[in-house]
Amino acid sequence: MSSTVDRLRAAYDAYNGGDVASVIDFASEDIEVRPPAASLEPEPFHGRDALLRYLEPNMFEFQRADPEEFVEEGDRVLVRLRIRARGRGSGVEVNDLAFHVWTVDGARAVRLEVYIDGDDALAALRAGR
């Protein structure tokens, strides 16, 4: 396993432990984040502060992102995630898959693309070659 995958695994572990700052440390200052097209706010955004706001639990009283698989191709890594969450106030439980495609330059992530569909995520991973 590569050091990039090791760092991503550690970042997800930290996130699940409530340490969002460790994920931010992995990101470049001007990281580009592309939320899923079906998101309430689907427009890309930039920077660590914006990433922090995106990752912090907001409408959920509980949320986890457990990596199930890593697929690495060059400077890009596709992460298949099991997302578990509980709605704040509603108590609605979420247990679904999501896919992150990270682009890494050196020791920092420069882009995070979020997908709901695994085929779309895999296509994005391969398009970045």
N, C-alpha and C. Protein backbone atom coordinates (compact mmCIF):
# COMPACT_ATOMS: atom_id res chain seq x y z
N MET A 1 0.85 -1.18 0.00
CA MET A 1 0.00 0.00 0.00
C MET A 1 0.90 1.24 0.00
N SER A 2 0.48 2.26 -0.75
CA SER A 2 1.31 3.45 -0.87
C SER A 2 1.18 4.35 0.35
N SER A 3 2.10 5.28 0.44
CA SER A 3 2.03 6.24 1.55
C SER A 3 0.81 7.15 1.41
N THR A 4 0.38 7.43 0.16
CA THR A 4 -0.82 8.24 -0.03
C THR A 4 -2.04 7.52 0.53
N VAL A 5 -2.19 6.24 0.23
CA VAL A 5 -3.31 5.46 0.76
C VAL A 5 -3.22 5.39 2.28
N ASP A 6 -2.02 5.20 2.80
CA ASP A 6 -1.85 5.18 4.26
C ASP A 6 -2.30 6.50 4.88
N ARG A 7 -1.92 7.61 4.26
CA ARG A 7 -2.31 8.93 4.78
C ARG A 7 -3.83 9.15 4.68
N LEU A 8 -4.42 8.68 3.58
CA LEU A 8 -5.88 8.80 3.45
C LEU A 8 -6.59 7.96 4.50
N ARG A 9 -6.12 6.74 4.70
CA ARG A 9 -6.73 5.88 5.71
C ARG A 9 -6.65 6.56 7.09
N ALA A 10 -5.49 7.13 7.40
CA ALA A 10 -5.33 7.84 8.69
C ALA A 10 -6.26 9.05 8.78
N ALA A 11 -6.44 9.76 7.66
CA ALA A 11 -7.33 10.93 7.65
C ALA A 11 -8.78 10.51 7.91
N TYR A 12 -9.22 9.43 7.28
CA TYR A 12 -10.59 8.95 7.52
C TYR A 12 -10.75 8.47 8.95
N ASP A 13 -9.74 7.78 9.48
CA ASP A 13 -9.80 7.34 10.88
C ASP A 13 -9.93 8.55 11.81
N ALA A 14 -9.14 9.59 11.55
CA ALA A 14 -9.20 10.79 12.37
C ALA A 14 -10.56 11.46 12.25
N TYR A 15 -11.07 11.56 11.03
CA TYR A 15 -12.39 12.16 10.81
C TYR A 15 -13.45 11.42 11.61
N ASN A 16 -13.41 10.10 11.55
CA ASN A 16 -14.40 9.29 12.27
C ASN A 16 -14.25 9.42 13.78
N GLY A 17 -13.07 9.83 14.23
CA GLY A 17 -12.85 10.07 15.65
C GLY A 17 -13.15 11.51 16.06
N GLY A 18 -13.67 12.31 15.11
CA GLY A 18 -14.02 13.69 15.43
C GLY A 18 -12.92 14.70 15.16
N ASP A 19 -11.82 14.27 14.57
CA ASP A 19 -10.67 15.15 14.31
C ASP A 19 -10.66 15.58 12.85
N VAL A 20 -11.53 16.51 12.49
CA VAL A 20 -11.63 16.99 11.11
C VAL A 20 -10.34 17.72 10.71
N ALA A 21 -9.66 18.31 11.66
CA ALA A 21 -8.43 19.06 11.38
C ALA A 21 -7.36 18.20 10.72
N SER A 22 -7.31 16.91 11.04
CA SER A 22 -6.32 16.03 10.41
C SER A 22 -6.57 15.86 8.92
N VAL A 23 -7.83 15.89 8.53
CA VAL A 23 -8.15 15.82 7.10
C VAL A 23 -7.70 17.11 6.43
N ILE A 24 -7.93 18.22 7.10
CA ILE A 24 -7.54 19.52 6.55
C ILE A 24 -6.02 19.59 6.39
N ASP A 25 -5.28 19.00 7.31
CA ASP A 25 -3.82 19.00 7.21
C ASP A 25 -3.32 18.28 5.95
N PHE A 26 -4.10 17.32 5.46
CA PHE A 26 -3.74 16.56 4.26
C PHE A 26 -3.98 17.38 2.99
N ALA A 27 -4.82 18.41 3.09
CA ALA A 27 -5.22 19.21 1.93
C ALA A 27 -4.27 20.37 1.67
N SER A 28 -4.11 20.70 0.38
CA SER A 28 -3.34 21.89 0.03
C SER A 28 -4.14 23.13 0.42
N GLU A 29 -3.47 24.25 0.53
CA GLU A 29 -4.13 25.50 0.91
C GLU A 29 -5.27 25.85 -0.03
N ASP A 30 -5.11 25.55 -1.32
CA ASP A 30 -6.12 25.93 -2.32
C ASP A 30 -6.83 24.72 -2.92
N ILE A 31 -7.02 23.67 -2.10
CA ILE A 31 -7.68 22.46 -2.59
C ILE A 31 -9.00 22.81 -3.28
N GLU A 32 -9.28 22.11 -4.37
CA GLU A 32 -10.56 22.25 -5.07
C GLU A 32 -11.44 21.08 -4.65
N VAL A 33 -12.67 21.38 -4.25
CA VAL A 33 -13.62 20.35 -3.85
C VAL A 33 -14.82 20.42 -4.77
N ARG A 34 -15.17 19.24 -5.32
CA ARG A 34 -16.32 19.14 -6.21
C ARG A 34 -17.36 18.23 -5.57
N PRO A 35 -18.41 18.83 -4.96
CA PRO A 35 -19.48 18.02 -4.35
C PRO A 35 -20.23 17.24 -5.42
N PRO A 36 -21.04 16.26 -5.01
CA PRO A 36 -21.82 15.52 -6.01
C PRO A 36 -22.79 16.45 -6.74
N ALA A 37 -23.07 16.10 -7.98
CA ALA A 37 -23.98 16.92 -8.80
C ALA A 37 -25.35 17.06 -8.15
N ALA A 38 -25.78 16.05 -7.39
CA ALA A 38 -27.10 16.07 -6.75
C ALA A 38 -27.10 16.81 -5.42
N SER A 39 -25.98 17.38 -5.03
CA SER A 39 -25.86 18.09 -3.76
C SER A 39 -26.72 19.36 -3.74
N LEU A 40 -27.10 19.78 -2.54
CA LEU A 40 -27.84 21.04 -2.41
C LEU A 40 -27.01 22.22 -2.90
N GLU A 41 -25.68 22.11 -2.76
CA GLU A 41 -24.76 23.14 -3.24
C GLU A 41 -23.69 22.45 -4.09
N PRO A 42 -24.01 22.20 -5.38
CA PRO A 42 -23.12 21.39 -6.22
C PRO A 42 -21.92 22.12 -6.82
N GLU A 43 -21.85 23.43 -6.64
CA GLU A 43 -20.76 24.19 -7.25
C GLU A 43 -19.43 23.88 -6.57
N PRO A 44 -18.34 23.76 -7.34
CA PRO A 44 -17.02 23.54 -6.75
C PRO A 44 -16.63 24.71 -5.85
N PHE A 45 -15.79 24.42 -4.86
CA PHE A 45 -15.27 25.47 -3.99
C PHE A 45 -13.81 25.18 -3.70
N HIS A 46 -13.12 26.18 -3.15
CA HIS A 46 -11.67 26.09 -2.98
C HIS A 46 -11.25 26.47 -1.57
N GLY A 47 -10.17 25.85 -1.13
CA GLY A 47 -9.52 26.24 0.10
C GLY A 47 -9.83 25.36 1.30
N ARG A 48 -8.89 25.38 2.23
CA ARG A 48 -9.02 24.56 3.44
C ARG A 48 -10.21 24.97 4.31
N ASP A 49 -10.47 26.27 4.44
CA ASP A 49 -11.59 26.72 5.28
C ASP A 49 -12.92 26.20 4.72
N ALA A 50 -13.07 26.26 3.40
CA ALA A 50 -14.30 25.77 2.77
C ALA A 50 -14.41 24.25 2.94
N LEU A 51 -13.29 23.54 2.83
CA LEU A 51 -13.30 22.09 3.04
C LEU A 51 -13.70 21.77 4.47
N LEU A 52 -13.20 22.52 5.42
CA LEU A 52 -13.55 22.30 6.82
C LEU A 52 -15.06 22.45 7.03
N ARG A 53 -15.64 23.50 6.47
CA ARG A 53 -17.10 23.70 6.59
C ARG A 53 -17.86 22.55 5.93
N TYR A 54 -17.36 22.05 4.82
CA TYR A 54 -18.00 20.95 4.10
C TYR A 54 -17.98 19.65 4.91
N LEU A 55 -16.88 19.41 5.61
CA LEU A 55 -16.71 18.14 6.33
C LEU A 55 -17.32 18.12 7.72
N GLU A 56 -17.47 19.28 8.33
CA GLU A 56 -18.01 19.30 9.70
C GLU A 56 -19.46 18.86 9.69
N PRO A 57 -19.83 18.02 10.66
CA PRO A 57 -21.24 17.62 10.73
C PRO A 57 -22.11 18.85 10.91
N ASN A 58 -23.16 18.94 10.10
CA ASN A 58 -24.06 20.09 10.20
C ASN A 58 -25.49 19.62 10.45
N MET A 59 -26.06 18.90 9.52
CA MET A 59 -27.43 18.45 9.74
C MET A 59 -27.50 17.06 10.36
N PHE A 60 -26.33 16.53 10.72
CA PHE A 60 -26.27 15.21 11.34
C PHE A 60 -25.74 15.31 12.76
N GLU A 61 -26.32 14.57 13.66
CA GLU A 61 -25.79 14.51 15.02
C GLU A 61 -24.67 13.48 15.11
N PHE A 62 -24.62 12.61 14.11
CA PHE A 62 -23.60 11.56 14.06
C PHE A 62 -23.31 11.31 12.59
N GLN A 63 -22.03 11.19 12.25
CA GLN A 63 -21.70 10.79 10.88
C GLN A 63 -20.32 10.16 10.83
N ARG A 64 -20.21 9.12 10.00
CA ARG A 64 -18.95 8.39 9.78
C ARG A 64 -18.77 8.16 8.29
N ALA A 65 -17.52 8.05 7.89
CA ALA A 65 -17.17 7.70 6.51
C ALA A 65 -16.10 6.62 6.60
N ASP A 66 -16.53 5.35 6.48
CA ASP A 66 -15.62 4.22 6.63
C ASP A 66 -15.15 3.72 5.27
N PRO A 67 -13.85 3.83 4.97
CA PRO A 67 -13.33 3.35 3.70
C PRO A 67 -13.46 1.83 3.59
N GLU A 68 -13.96 1.38 2.44
CA GLU A 68 -14.07 -0.05 2.18
C GLU A 68 -13.08 -0.52 1.12
N GLU A 69 -12.65 0.41 0.27
CA GLU A 69 -11.73 0.04 -0.80
C GLU A 69 -10.98 1.28 -1.28
N PHE A 70 -9.71 1.09 -1.63
CA PHE A 70 -8.88 2.13 -2.22
C PHE A 70 -8.39 1.63 -3.57
N VAL A 71 -8.54 2.46 -4.61
CA VAL A 71 -8.03 2.14 -5.93
C VAL A 71 -7.11 3.29 -6.33
N GLU A 72 -5.84 2.98 -6.47
CA GLU A 72 -4.85 4.03 -6.75
C GLU A 72 -4.39 3.93 -8.19
N GLU A 73 -4.41 5.06 -8.88
CA GLU A 73 -3.89 5.15 -10.25
C GLU A 73 -3.07 6.42 -10.36
N GLY A 74 -1.76 6.27 -10.33
CA GLY A 74 -0.89 7.44 -10.41
C GLY A 74 -1.08 8.35 -9.22
N ASP A 75 -1.39 9.61 -9.49
CA ASP A 75 -1.56 10.61 -8.42
C ASP A 75 -3.01 10.72 -7.94
N ARG A 76 -3.84 9.75 -8.34
CA ARG A 76 -5.26 9.79 -7.98
C ARG A 76 -5.65 8.52 -7.22
N VAL A 77 -6.55 8.70 -6.26
CA VAL A 77 -7.02 7.57 -5.44
C VAL A 77 -8.54 7.64 -5.34
N LEU A 78 -9.18 6.54 -5.71
CA LEU A 78 -10.62 6.39 -5.54
C LEU A 78 -10.86 5.66 -4.23
N VAL A 79 -11.71 6.22 -3.38
CA VAL A 79 -12.04 5.60 -2.10
C VAL A 79 -13.54 5.30 -2.09
N ARG A 80 -13.85 4.03 -1.95
CA ARG A 80 -15.26 3.62 -1.77
C ARG A 80 -15.54 3.68 -0.27
N LEU A 81 -16.59 4.42 0.10
CA LEU A 81 -16.89 4.67 1.51
C LEU A 81 -18.27 4.17 1.90
N ARG A 82 -18.38 3.68 3.11
CA ARG A 82 -19.68 3.39 3.73
C ARG A 82 -19.99 4.60 4.60
N ILE A 83 -21.04 5.33 4.25
CA ILE A 83 -21.45 6.52 4.99
C ILE A 83 -22.56 6.12 5.95
N ARG A 84 -22.35 6.44 7.20
CA ARG A 84 -23.37 6.22 8.23
C ARG A 84 -23.60 7.54 8.94
N ALA A 85 -24.88 7.87 9.12
CA ALA A 85 -25.21 9.13 9.78
C ALA A 85 -26.61 9.04 10.38
N ARG A 86 -26.88 9.97 11.29
CA ARG A 86 -28.21 10.10 11.89
C ARG A 86 -28.58 11.58 11.87
N GLY A 87 -29.74 11.86 11.31
CA GLY A 87 -30.20 13.24 11.18
C GLY A 87 -30.40 13.91 12.53
N ARG A 88 -29.93 15.14 12.62
CA ARG A 88 -30.13 15.95 13.82
C ARG A 88 -31.60 16.35 13.86
N GLY A 89 -32.25 16.01 14.93
CA GLY A 89 -33.67 16.35 15.07
C GLY A 89 -34.58 15.28 14.51
N SER A 90 -34.34 14.83 13.27
CA SER A 90 -35.23 13.85 12.65
C SER A 90 -34.94 12.42 13.13
N GLY A 91 -33.68 12.15 13.45
CA GLY A 91 -33.29 10.80 13.85
C GLY A 91 -33.21 9.83 12.69
N VAL A 92 -33.40 10.31 11.45
CA VAL A 92 -33.34 9.45 10.28
C VAL A 92 -31.92 8.89 10.12
N GLU A 93 -31.84 7.57 9.93
CA GLU A 93 -30.56 6.89 9.78
C GLU A 93 -30.17 6.83 8.30
N VAL A 94 -28.90 7.07 8.02
CA VAL A 94 -28.35 6.96 6.67
C VAL A 94 -27.28 5.87 6.71
N ASN A 95 -27.34 4.97 5.73
CA ASN A 95 -26.33 3.92 5.57
C ASN A 95 -26.22 3.69 4.08
N ASP A 96 -25.21 4.33 3.46
CA ASP A 96 -25.13 4.32 2.00
C ASP A 96 -23.67 4.34 1.56
N LEU A 97 -23.48 4.17 0.27
CA LEU A 97 -22.14 4.25 -0.29
C LEU A 97 -21.91 5.64 -0.88
N ALA A 98 -20.67 6.08 -0.83
CA ALA A 98 -20.22 7.29 -1.51
C ALA A 98 -18.82 7.00 -2.02
N PHE A 99 -18.35 7.84 -2.91
CA PHE A 99 -17.05 7.62 -3.54
C PHE A 99 -16.30 8.94 -3.59
N HIS A 100 -15.07 8.93 -3.12
CA HIS A 100 -14.20 10.10 -3.17
C HIS A 100 -13.07 9.81 -4.15
N VAL A 101 -12.80 10.75 -5.02
CA VAL A 101 -11.63 10.67 -5.89
C VAL A 101 -10.72 11.82 -5.49
N TRP A 102 -9.57 11.46 -4.92
CA TRP A 102 -8.57 12.42 -4.46
C TRP A 102 -7.47 12.54 -5.51
N THR A 103 -7.02 13.75 -5.77
CA THR A 103 -5.83 13.99 -6.58
C THR A 103 -4.78 14.57 -5.64
N VAL A 104 -3.60 13.95 -5.66
CA VAL A 104 -2.54 14.32 -4.73
C VAL A 104 -1.32 14.80 -5.51
N ASP A 105 -0.76 15.90 -5.04
CA ASP A 105 0.47 16.45 -5.61
C ASP A 105 1.49 16.50 -4.49
N GLY A 106 2.45 15.60 -4.53
CA GLY A 106 3.42 15.50 -3.44
C GLY A 106 2.75 14.96 -2.20
N ALA A 107 2.80 15.71 -1.11
CA ALA A 107 2.25 15.25 0.16
C ALA A 107 0.84 15.79 0.43
N ARG A 108 0.28 16.58 -0.48
CA ARG A 108 -1.00 17.23 -0.22
C ARG A 108 -2.04 16.90 -1.29
N ALA A 109 -3.29 16.83 -0.86
CA ALA A 109 -4.40 16.66 -1.78
C ALA A 109 -4.72 18.01 -2.41
N VAL A 110 -4.83 18.03 -3.74
CA VAL A 110 -5.13 19.27 -4.44
C VAL A 110 -6.57 19.29 -4.97
N ARG A 111 -7.22 18.10 -4.96
CA ARG A 111 -8.61 18.03 -5.42
C ARG A 111 -9.32 16.86 -4.74
N LEU A 112 -10.58 17.09 -4.41
CA LEU A 112 -11.46 16.05 -3.91
C LEU A 112 -12.75 16.13 -4.70
N GLU A 113 -13.09 15.02 -5.38
CA GLU A 113 -14.34 14.92 -6.12
C GLU A 113 -15.21 13.90 -5.40
N VAL A 114 -16.47 14.24 -5.17
CA VAL A 114 -17.39 13.38 -4.43
C VAL A 114 -18.46 12.86 -5.38
N TYR A 115 -18.66 11.55 -5.36
CA TYR A 115 -19.63 10.90 -6.23
C TYR A 115 -20.56 10.01 -5.42
N ILE A 116 -21.77 9.85 -5.94
CA ILE A 116 -22.74 8.94 -5.35
C ILE A 116 -22.74 7.62 -6.12
N ASP A 117 -22.39 7.68 -7.39
CA ASP A 117 -22.38 6.51 -8.26
C ASP A 117 -20.95 6.01 -8.47
N GLY A 118 -20.75 4.73 -8.22
CA GLY A 118 -19.41 4.15 -8.34
C GLY A 118 -18.88 4.16 -9.76
N ASP A 119 -19.75 3.95 -10.76
CA ASP A 119 -19.30 3.98 -12.15
C ASP A 119 -18.82 5.38 -12.55
N ASP A 120 -19.54 6.40 -12.08
CA ASP A 120 -19.11 7.79 -12.35
C ASP A 120 -17.76 8.07 -11.71
N ALA A 121 -17.57 7.57 -10.49
CA ALA A 121 -16.30 7.79 -9.78
C ALA A 121 -15.16 7.09 -10.50
N LEU A 122 -15.39 5.86 -10.94
CA LEU A 122 -14.35 5.12 -11.65
C LEU A 122 -14.00 5.80 -12.97
N ALA A 123 -15.01 6.29 -13.68
CA ALA A 123 -14.76 7.03 -14.92
C ALA A 123 -13.93 8.28 -14.65
N ALA A 124 -14.25 8.98 -13.57
CA ALA A 124 -13.48 10.19 -13.22
C ALA A 124 -12.04 9.84 -12.87
N LEU A 125 -11.85 8.74 -12.14
CA LEU A 125 -10.50 8.30 -11.80
C LEU A 125 -9.70 8.05 -13.07
N ARG A 126 -10.27 7.33 -14.00
CA ARG A 126 -9.55 6.95 -15.22
C ARG A 126 -9.39 8.13 -16.17
N ALA A 127 -10.30 9.08 -16.14
CA ALA A 127 -10.19 10.27 -16.99
C ALA A 127 -9.03 11.16 -16.56
N GLY A 128 -8.63 11.05 -15.31
CA GLY A 128 -7.56 11.89 -14.78
C GLY A 128 -6.17 11.38 -15.10
N ARG A 129 -6.05 10.27 -15.81
CA ARG A 129 -4.73 9.71 -16.12
C ARG A 129 -3.94 10.60 -17.01
